[in-house]
PDB file of N, CA and C in Angstrom:
ATOM      1  N   MET A   1     142.882 -17.380 -73.206  1.00  0.00           N
ATOM      2  CA  MET A   1     141.449 -17.607 -73.264  1.00  0.00           C
ATOM      3  C   MET A   1     141.186 -18.866 -74.092  1.00  0.00           C
ATOM      4  N   GLU A   2     140.287 -19.681 -73.640  1.00  0.00           N
ATOM      5  CA  GLU A   2     139.930 -20.887 -74.380  1.00  0.00           C
ATOM      6  C   GLU A   2     139.234 -20.501 -75.680  1.00  0.00           C
ATOM      7  N   ILE A   3     139.495 -21.272 -76.739  1.00  0.00           N
ATOM      8  CA  ILE A   3     138.923 -20.963 -78.051  1.00  0.00           C
ATOM      9  C   ILE A   3     137.394 -20.997 -78.023  1.00  0.00           C
ATOM     10  N   GLU A   4     136.796 -21.875 -77.214  1.00  0.00           N
ATOM     11  CA  GLU A   4     135.339 -21.948 -77.135  1.00  0.00           C
ATOM     12  C   GLU A   4     134.768 -20.647 -76.570  1.00  0.00           C
ATOM     13  N   LYS A   5     135.410 -20.112 -75.533  1.00  0.00           N
ATOM     14  CA  LYS A   5     134.946 -18.853 -74.939  1.00  0.00           C
ATOM     15  C   LYS A   5     135.161 -17.692 -75.905  1.00  0.00           C
ATOM     16  N   PHE A   6     136.282 -17.715 -76.626  1.00  0.00           N
ATOM     17  CA  PHE A   6     136.565 -16.679 -77.603  1.00  0.00           C
ATOM     18  C   PHE A   6     135.532 -16.720 -78.726  1.00  0.00           C
ATOM     19  N   THR A   7     135.228 -17.918 -79.224  1.00  0.00           N
ATOM     20  CA  THR A   7     134.234 -18.097 -80.277  1.00  0.00           C
ATOM     21  C   THR A   7     132.875 -17.575 -79.820  1.00  0.00           C
ATOM     22  N   GLU A   8     132.500 -17.904 -78.597  1.00  0.00           N
ATOM     23  CA  GLU A   8     131.218 -17.439 -78.051  1.00  0.00           C
ATOM     24  C   GLU A   8     131.198 -15.913 -77.941  1.00  0.00           C
ATOM     25  N   ALA A   9     132.298 -15.333 -77.489  1.00  0.00           N
ATOM     26  CA  ALA A   9     132.386 -13.872 -77.365  1.00  0.00           C
ATOM     27  C   ALA A   9     132.261 -13.200 -78.722  1.00  0.00           C
ATOM     28  N   ILE A  10     132.952 -13.717 -79.732  1.00  0.00           N
ATOM     29  CA  ILE A  10     132.873 -13.151 -81.091  1.00  0.00           C
ATOM     30  C   ILE A  10     131.447 -13.254 -81.619  1.00  0.00           C
ATOM     31  N   SER A  11     130.797 -14.376 -81.384  1.00  0.00           N
ATOM     32  CA  SER A  11     129.428 -14.576 -81.846  1.00  0.00           C
ATOM     33  C   SER A  11     128.486 -13.553 -81.211  1.00  0.00           C
ATOM     34  N   VAL A  12     128.671 -13.280 -79.933  1.00  0.00           N
ATOM     35  CA  VAL A  12     127.831 -12.294 -79.238  1.00  0.00           C
ATOM     36  C   VAL A  12     128.136 -10.888 -79.748  1.00  0.00           C
ATOM     37  N   ILE A  13     129.415 -10.553 -79.875  1.00  0.00           N
ATOM     38  CA  ILE A  13     129.814  -9.224 -80.324  1.00  0.00           C
ATOM     39  C   ILE A  13     129.282  -8.930 -81.723  1.00  0.00           C
ATOM     40  N   LEU A  14     129.374  -9.905 -82.621  1.00  0.00           N
ATOM     41  CA  LEU A  14     128.957  -9.705 -84.005  1.00  0.00           C
ATOM     42  C   LEU A  14     127.473  -9.973 -84.227  1.00  0.00           C
ATOM     43  N   ALA A  15     126.773 -10.441 -83.197  1.00  0.00           N
ATOM     44  CA  ALA A  15     125.315 -10.631 -83.215  1.00  0.00           C
ATOM     45  C   ALA A  15     124.830 -11.484 -84.387  1.00  0.00           C
ATOM     46  N   PHE A  16     125.411 -12.680 -84.546  1.00  0.00           N
ATOM     47  CA  PHE A  16     124.949 -13.586 -85.593  1.00  0.00           C
ATOM     48  C   PHE A  16     123.559 -14.083 -85.257  1.00  0.00           C
ATOM     49  N   GLU A  17     122.691 -14.086 -86.248  1.00  0.00           N
ATOM     50  CA  GLU A  17     121.332 -14.586 -86.082  1.00  0.00           C
ATOM     51  C   GLU A  17     121.055 -15.621 -87.154  1.00  0.00           C
ATOM     52  N   GLN A  18     120.083 -16.491 -86.886  1.00  0.00           N
ATOM     53  CA  GLN A  18     119.683 -17.492 -87.868  1.00  0.00           C
ATOM     54  C   GLN A  18     119.288 -16.796 -89.156  1.00  0.00           C
ATOM     55  N   PRO A  19     119.627 -17.317 -90.295  1.00  0.00           N
ATOM     56  CA  PRO A  19     120.189 -18.631 -90.545  1.00  0.00           C
ATOM     57  C   PRO A  19     121.711 -18.667 -90.493  1.00  0.00           C
ATOM     58  N   TRP A  20     122.372 -17.547 -90.166  1.00  0.00           N
ATOM     59  CA  TRP A  20     123.830 -17.514 -90.160  1.00  0.00           C
ATOM     60  C   TRP A  20     124.407 -18.249 -88.969  1.00  0.00           C
ATOM     61  N   LEU A  21     125.501 -18.976 -89.212  1.00  0.00           N
ATOM     62  CA  LEU A  21     126.162 -19.771 -88.185  1.00  0.00           C
ATOM     63  C   LEU A  21     127.653 -19.455 -88.180  1.00  0.00           C
ATOM     64  N   LEU A  22     128.212 -19.290 -87.021  1.00  0.00           N
ATOM     65  CA  LEU A  22     129.655 -19.149 -86.876  1.00  0.00           C
ATOM     66  C   LEU A  22     130.215 -20.561 -86.807  1.00  0.00           C
ATOM     67  N   THR A  23     131.002 -20.961 -87.813  1.00  0.00           N
ATOM     68  CA  THR A  23     131.453 -22.356 -87.882  1.00  0.00           C
ATOM     69  C   THR A  23     132.877 -22.579 -87.395  1.00  0.00           C
ATOM     70  N   LYS A  24     133.724 -21.536 -87.522  1.00  0.00           N
ATOM     71  CA  LYS A  24     135.119 -21.735 -87.130  1.00  0.00           C
ATOM     72  C   LYS A  24     135.797 -20.376 -86.986  1.00  0.00           C
ATOM     73  N   ILE A  25     136.776 -20.316 -86.092  1.00  0.00           N
ATOM     74  CA  ILE A  25     137.625 -19.133 -85.956  1.00  0.00           C
ATOM     75  C   ILE A  25     139.063 -19.603 -85.982  1.00  0.00           C
ATOM     76  N   GLU A  26     139.857 -18.942 -86.823  1.00  0.00           N
ATOM     77  CA  GLU A  26     141.296 -19.228 -86.873  1.00  0.00           C
ATOM     78  C   GLU A  26     142.037 -17.953 -86.490  1.00  0.00           C
ATOM     79  N   VAL A  27     142.902 -18.053 -85.488  1.00  0.00           N
ATOM     80  CA  VAL A  27     143.701 -16.916 -85.050  1.00  0.00           C
ATOM     81  C   VAL A  27     145.133 -17.133 -85.534  1.00  0.00           C
ATOM     82  N   GLN A  28     145.682 -16.127 -86.208  1.00  0.00           N
ATOM     83  CA  GLN A  28     147.048 -16.180 -86.706  1.00  0.00           C
ATOM     84  C   GLN A  28     147.869 -15.124 -85.957  1.00  0.00           C
ATOM     85  N   PRO A  29     148.442 -15.492 -84.811  1.00  0.00           N
ATOM     86  CA  PRO A  29     149.166 -14.518 -83.990  1.00  0.00           C
ATOM     87  C   PRO A  29     150.333 -13.845 -84.711  1.00  0.00           C
ATOM     88  N   LYS A  30     151.057 -14.589 -85.557  1.00  0.00           N
ATOM     89  CA  LYS A  30     152.192 -14.009 -86.280  1.00  0.00           C
ATOM     90  C   LYS A  30     151.759 -12.874 -87.195  1.00  0.00           C
ATOM     91  N   ASN A  31     150.659 -13.087 -87.926  1.00  0.00           N
ATOM     92  CA  ASN A  31     150.157 -12.099 -88.885  1.00  0.00           C
ATOM     93  C   ASN A  31     149.167 -11.118 -88.269  1.00  0.00           C
ATOM     94  N   LYS A  32     148.772 -11.392 -87.013  1.00  0.00           N
ATOM     95  CA  LYS A  32     147.753 -10.594 -86.315  1.00  0.00           C
ATOM     96  C   LYS A  32     146.460 -10.529 -87.129  1.00  0.00           C
ATOM     97  N   VAL A  33     145.973 -11.724 -87.483  1.00  0.00           N
ATOM     98  CA  VAL A  33     144.744 -11.860 -88.264  1.00  0.00           C
ATOM     99  C   VAL A  33     143.819 -12.844 -87.558  1.00  0.00           C
ATOM    100  N   VAL A  34     142.529 -12.527 -87.544  1.00  0.00           N
ATOM    101  CA  VAL A  34     141.499 -13.447 -87.061  1.00  0.00           C
ATOM    102  C   VAL A  34     140.575 -13.722 -88.240  1.00  0.00           C
ATOM    103  N   ASP A  35     140.498 -14.979 -88.676  1.00  0.00           N
ATOM    104  CA  ASP A  35     139.581 -15.391 -89.738  1.00  0.00           C
ATOM    105  C   ASP A  35     138.344 -15.987 -89.093  1.00  0.00           C
ATOM    106  N   VAL A  36     137.188 -15.441 -89.419  1.00  0.00           N
ATOM    107  CA  VAL A  36     135.908 -15.906 -88.889  1.00  0.00           C
ATOM    108  C   VAL A  36     135.157 -16.560 -90.034  1.00  0.00           C
ATOM    109  N   TYR A  37     134.855 -17.844 -89.906  1.00  0.00           N
ATOM    110  CA  TYR A  37     134.147 -18.585 -90.950  1.00  0.00           C
ATOM    111  C   TYR A  37     132.652 -18.611 -90.625  1.00  0.00           C
ATOM    112  N   ILE A  38     131.863 -18.178 -91.602  1.00  0.00           N
ATOM    113  CA  ILE A  38     130.417 -18.091 -91.431  1.00  0.00           C
ATOM    114  C   ILE A  38     129.759 -18.952 -92.498  1.00  0.00           C
ATOM    115  N   ASP A  39     128.700 -19.632 -92.126  1.00  0.00           N
ATOM    116  CA  ASP A  39     127.924 -20.437 -93.055  1.00  0.00           C
ATOM    117  C   ASP A  39     126.456 -20.194 -92.737  1.00  0.00           C
ATOM    118  N   TYR A  40     125.579 -20.813 -93.478  1.00  0.00           N
ATOM    119  CA  TYR A  40     124.155 -20.719 -93.184  1.00  0.00           C
ATOM    120  C   TYR A  40     123.594 -22.118 -93.015  1.00  0.00           C
ATOM    121  N   ALA A  41     122.516 -22.209 -92.268  1.00  0.00           N
ATOM    122  CA  ALA A  41     121.897 -23.501 -92.004  1.00  0.00           C
ATOM    123  C   ALA A  41     121.369 -24.107 -93.300  1.00  0.00           C
ATOM    124  N   LYS A  42     121.534 -25.411 -93.433  1.00  0.00           N
ATOM    125  CA  LYS A  42     121.054 -26.122 -94.616  1.00  0.00           C
ATOM    126  C   LYS A  42     119.547 -25.903 -94.769  1.00  0.00           C
ATOM    127  N   GLY A  43     119.132 -25.629 -95.988  1.00  0.00           N
ATOM    128  CA  GLY A  43     117.712 -25.413 -96.269  1.00  0.00           C
ATOM    129  C   GLY A  43     117.262 -23.976 -96.037  1.00  0.00           C
ATOM    130  N   SER A  44     118.193 -23.084 -95.704  1.00  0.00           N
ATOM    131  CA  SER A  44     117.839 -21.684 -95.463  1.00  0.00           C
ATOM    132  C   SER A  44     117.319 -21.019 -96.726  1.00  0.00           C
ATOM    133  N   LYS A  45     116.471 -20.031 -96.542  1.00  0.00           N
ATOM    134  CA  LYS A  45     115.947 -19.250 -97.649  1.00  0.00           C
ATOM    135  C   LYS A  45     116.302 -17.785 -97.412  1.00  0.00           C
ATOM    136  N   PHE A  46     116.552 -17.078 -98.518  1.00  0.00           N
ATOM    137  CA  PHE A  46     116.953 -15.684 -98.442  1.00  0.00           C
ATOM    138  C   PHE A  46     116.117 -14.849 -99.400  1.00  0.00           C
ATOM    139  N   CYS A  47     116.091 -13.567 -99.152  1.00  0.00           N
ATOM    140  CA  CYS A  47     115.381 -12.623-100.010  1.00  0.00           C
ATOM    141  C   CYS A  47     116.202 -12.412-101.282  1.00  0.00           C
ATOM    142  N   CYS A  48     115.573 -12.564-102.443  1.00  0.00           N
ATOM    143  CA  CYS A  48     116.236 -12.371-103.736  1.00  0.00           C
ATOM    144  C   CYS A  48     116.568 -10.892-103.922  1.00  0.00           C
ATOM    145  N   SER A  49     117.813 -10.612-104.297  1.00  0.00           N
ATOM    146  CA  SER A  49     118.236  -9.221-104.481  1.00  0.00           C
ATOM    147  C   SER A  49     117.621  -8.585-105.726  1.00  0.00           C
ATOM    148  N   GLN A  50     117.087  -9.419-106.638  1.00  0.00           N
ATOM    149  CA  GLN A  50     116.512  -8.877-107.872  1.00  0.00           C
ATOM    150  C   GLN A  50     114.996  -8.712-107.798  1.00  0.00           C
ATOM    151  N   CYS A  51     114.294  -9.741-107.314  1.00  0.00           N
ATOM    152  CA  CYS A  51     112.826  -9.679-107.326  1.00  0.00           C
ATOM    153  C   CYS A  51     112.208  -9.509-105.943  1.00  0.00           C
ATOM    154  N   GLY A  52     112.997  -9.760-104.881  1.00  0.00           N
ATOM    155  CA  GLY A  52     112.486  -9.590-103.525  1.00  0.00           C
ATOM    156  C   GLY A  52     111.781 -10.811-102.958  1.00  0.00           C
ATOM    157  N   ASP A  53     111.587 -11.859-103.769  1.00  0.00           N
ATOM    158  CA  ASP A  53     110.938 -13.085-103.285  1.00  0.00           C
ATOM    159  C   ASP A  53     111.866 -13.844-102.344  1.00  0.00           C
ATOM    160  N   ILE A  54     111.287 -14.678-101.493  1.00  0.00           N
ATOM    161  CA  ILE A  54     112.058 -15.566-100.624  1.00  0.00           C
ATOM    162  C   ILE A  54     112.404 -16.811-101.438  1.00  0.00           C
ATOM    163  N   CYS A  55     113.707 -17.098-101.563  1.00  0.00           N
ATOM    164  CA  CYS A  55     114.164 -18.184-102.434  1.00  0.00           C
ATOM    165  C   CYS A  55     115.148 -19.106-101.717  1.00  0.00           C
ATOM    166  N   SER A  56     115.234 -20.335-102.201  1.00  0.00           N
ATOM    167  CA  SER A  56     116.245 -21.280-101.729  1.00  0.00           C
ATOM    168  C   SER A  56     117.586 -20.918-102.354  1.00  0.00           C
ATOM    169  N   VAL A  57     118.661 -21.375-101.724  1.00  0.00           N
ATOM    170  CA  VAL A  57     119.999 -21.152-102.252  1.00  0.00           C
ATOM    171  C   VAL A  57     120.291 -22.218-103.302  1.00  0.00           C
ATOM    172  N   HIS A  58     120.750 -21.804-104.471  1.00  0.00           N
ATOM    173  CA  HIS A  58     121.064 -22.752-105.541  1.00  0.00           C
ATOM    174  C   HIS A  58     122.548 -23.085-105.574  1.00  0.00           C
ATOM    175  N   ASP A  59     123.379 -22.099-105.368  1.00  0.00           N
ATOM    176  CA  ASP A  59     124.815 -22.314-105.327  1.00  0.00           C
ATOM    177  C   ASP A  59     125.430 -21.156-104.535  1.00  0.00           C
ATOM    178  N   SER A  60     126.689 -21.293-104.228  1.00  0.00           N
ATOM    179  CA  SER A  60     127.343 -20.230-103.468  1.00  0.00           C
ATOM    180  C   SER A  60     128.848 -20.274-103.720  1.00  0.00           C
ATOM    181  N   VAL A  61     129.485 -19.176-103.425  1.00  0.00           N
ATOM    182  CA  VAL A  61     130.919 -19.033-103.586  1.00  0.00           C
ATOM    183  C   VAL A  61     131.476 -18.535-102.257  1.00  0.00           C
ATOM    184  N   ILE A  62     132.611 -19.081-101.837  1.00  0.00           N
ATOM    185  CA  ILE A  62     133.227 -18.614-100.601  1.00  0.00           C
ATOM    186  C   ILE A  62     133.830 -17.237-100.855  1.00  0.00           C
ATOM    187  N   ARG A  63     133.493 -16.291 -99.987  1.00  0.00           N
ATOM    188  CA  ARG A  63     133.975 -14.918-100.118  1.00  0.00           C
ATOM    189  C   ARG A  63     134.762 -14.530 -98.879  1.00  0.00           C
ATOM    190  N   LEU A  64     135.725 -13.652 -99.083  1.00  0.00           N
ATOM    191  CA  LEU A  64     136.486 -13.075 -97.984  1.00  0.00           C
ATOM    192  C   LEU A  64     136.034 -11.632 -97.836  1.00  0.00           C
ATOM    193  N   ILE A  65     135.555 -11.285 -96.657  1.00  0.00           N
ATOM    194  CA  ILE A  65     135.071  -9.935 -96.387  1.00  0.00           C
ATOM    195  C   ILE A  65     135.907  -9.341 -95.265  1.00  0.00           C
ATOM    196  N   ARG A  66     136.634  -8.295 -95.558  1.00  0.00           N
ATOM    197  CA  ARG A  66     137.462  -7.631 -94.557  1.00  0.00           C
ATOM    198  C   ARG A  66     136.556  -6.808 -93.662  1.00  0.00           C
ATOM    199  N   HIS A  67     136.691  -6.967 -92.367  1.00  0.00           N
ATOM    200  CA  HIS A  67     135.855  -6.278 -91.390  1.00  0.00           C
ATOM    201  C   HIS A  67     136.728  -5.308 -90.607  1.00  0.00           C
ATOM    202  N   LEU A  68     136.113  -4.571 -89.716  1.00  0.00           N
ATOM    203  CA  LEU A  68     136.870  -3.680 -88.839  1.00  0.00           C
ATOM    204  C   LEU A  68     137.847  -4.480 -88.000  1.00  0.00           C
ATOM    205  N   ASP A  69     138.908  -3.830 -87.548  1.00  0.00           N
ATOM    206  CA  ASP A  69     139.895  -4.513 -86.717  1.00  0.00           C
ATOM    207  C   ASP A  69     139.317  -4.862 -85.351  1.00  0.00           C
ATOM    208  N   LEU A  70     139.851  -5.918 -84.777  1.00  0.00           N
ATOM    209  CA  LEU A  70     139.499  -6.356 -83.439  1.00  0.00           C
ATOM    210  C   LEU A  70     140.752  -6.168 -82.591  1.00  0.00           C
ATOM    211  N   LEU A  71     140.776  -5.086 -81.829  1.00  0.00           N
ATOM    212  CA  LEU A  71     141.968  -4.657 -81.106  1.00  0.00           C
ATOM    213  C   LEU A  71     143.079  -4.445 -82.128  1.00  0.00           C
ATOM    214  N   GLU A  72     144.200  -5.135 -82.026  1.00  0.00           N
ATOM    215  CA  GLU A  72     145.274  -4.937 -83.003  1.00  0.00           C
ATOM    216  C   GLU A  72     145.292  -6.011 -84.083  1.00  0.00           C
ATOM    217  N   TYR A  73     144.238  -6.822 -84.147  1.00  0.00           N
ATOM    218  CA  TYR A  73     144.148  -7.889 -85.147  1.00  0.00           C
ATOM    219  C   TYR A  73     143.209  -7.483 -86.282  1.00  0.00           C
ATOM    220  N   GLN A  74     143.584  -7.873 -87.512  1.00  0.00           N
ATOM    221  CA  GLN A  74     142.689  -7.700 -88.641  1.00  0.00           C
ATOM    222  C   GLN A  74     141.602  -8.775 -88.538  1.00  0.00           C
ATOM    223  N   LEU A  75     140.375  -8.405 -88.765  1.00  0.00           N
ATOM    224  CA  LEU A  75     139.250  -9.337 -88.684  1.00  0.00           C
ATOM    225  C   LEU A  75     138.697  -9.535 -90.088  1.00  0.00           C
ATOM    226  N   ALA A  76     138.631 -10.790 -90.532  1.00  0.00           N
ATOM    227  CA  ALA A  76     138.140 -11.095 -91.865  1.00  0.00           C
ATOM    228  C   ALA A  76     137.101 -12.218 -91.781  1.00  0.00           C
ATOM    229  N   PHE A  77     136.003 -12.052 -92.511  1.00  0.00           N
ATOM    230  CA  PHE A  77     134.978 -13.089 -92.593  1.00  0.00           C
ATOM    231  C   PHE A  77     135.196 -13.897 -93.842  1.00  0.00           C
ATOM    232  N   LYS A  78     135.011 -15.195 -93.739  1.00  0.00           N
ATOM    233  CA  LYS A  78     135.014 -16.076 -94.905  1.00  0.00           C
ATOM    234  C   LYS A  78     133.672 -16.771 -94.895  1.00  0.00           C
ATOM    235  N   SER A  79     132.856 -16.470 -95.903  1.00  0.00           N
ATOM    236  CA  SER A  79     131.516 -17.053 -95.938  1.00  0.00           C
ATOM    237  C   SER A  79     131.163 -17.448 -97.353  1.00  0.00           C
ATOM    238  N   ARG A  80     130.119 -18.283 -97.443  1.00  0.00           N
ATOM    239  CA  ARG A  80     129.640 -18.631 -98.782  1.00  0.00           C
ATOM    240  C   ARG A  80     128.305 -17.998 -98.998  1.00  0.00           C
TER     241      ARG A  80
END
């Protein structure tokens, strides 16, 4: 399967919505791992977890989030 079609399929399956963007997918056949890189559109605003207001992003850290398996591959998100 072409990587573009695979990327599109993953995006549909995982139902990414704005401001989230699927930026890259890396498949590691030896380790049976799929890394899905997620980012957000520049200038995006999010709901503050403390006060509930809509706020701009000031800084971010790249996180690895282990997700459910995709067939026999481990699926992991890397996002900031």
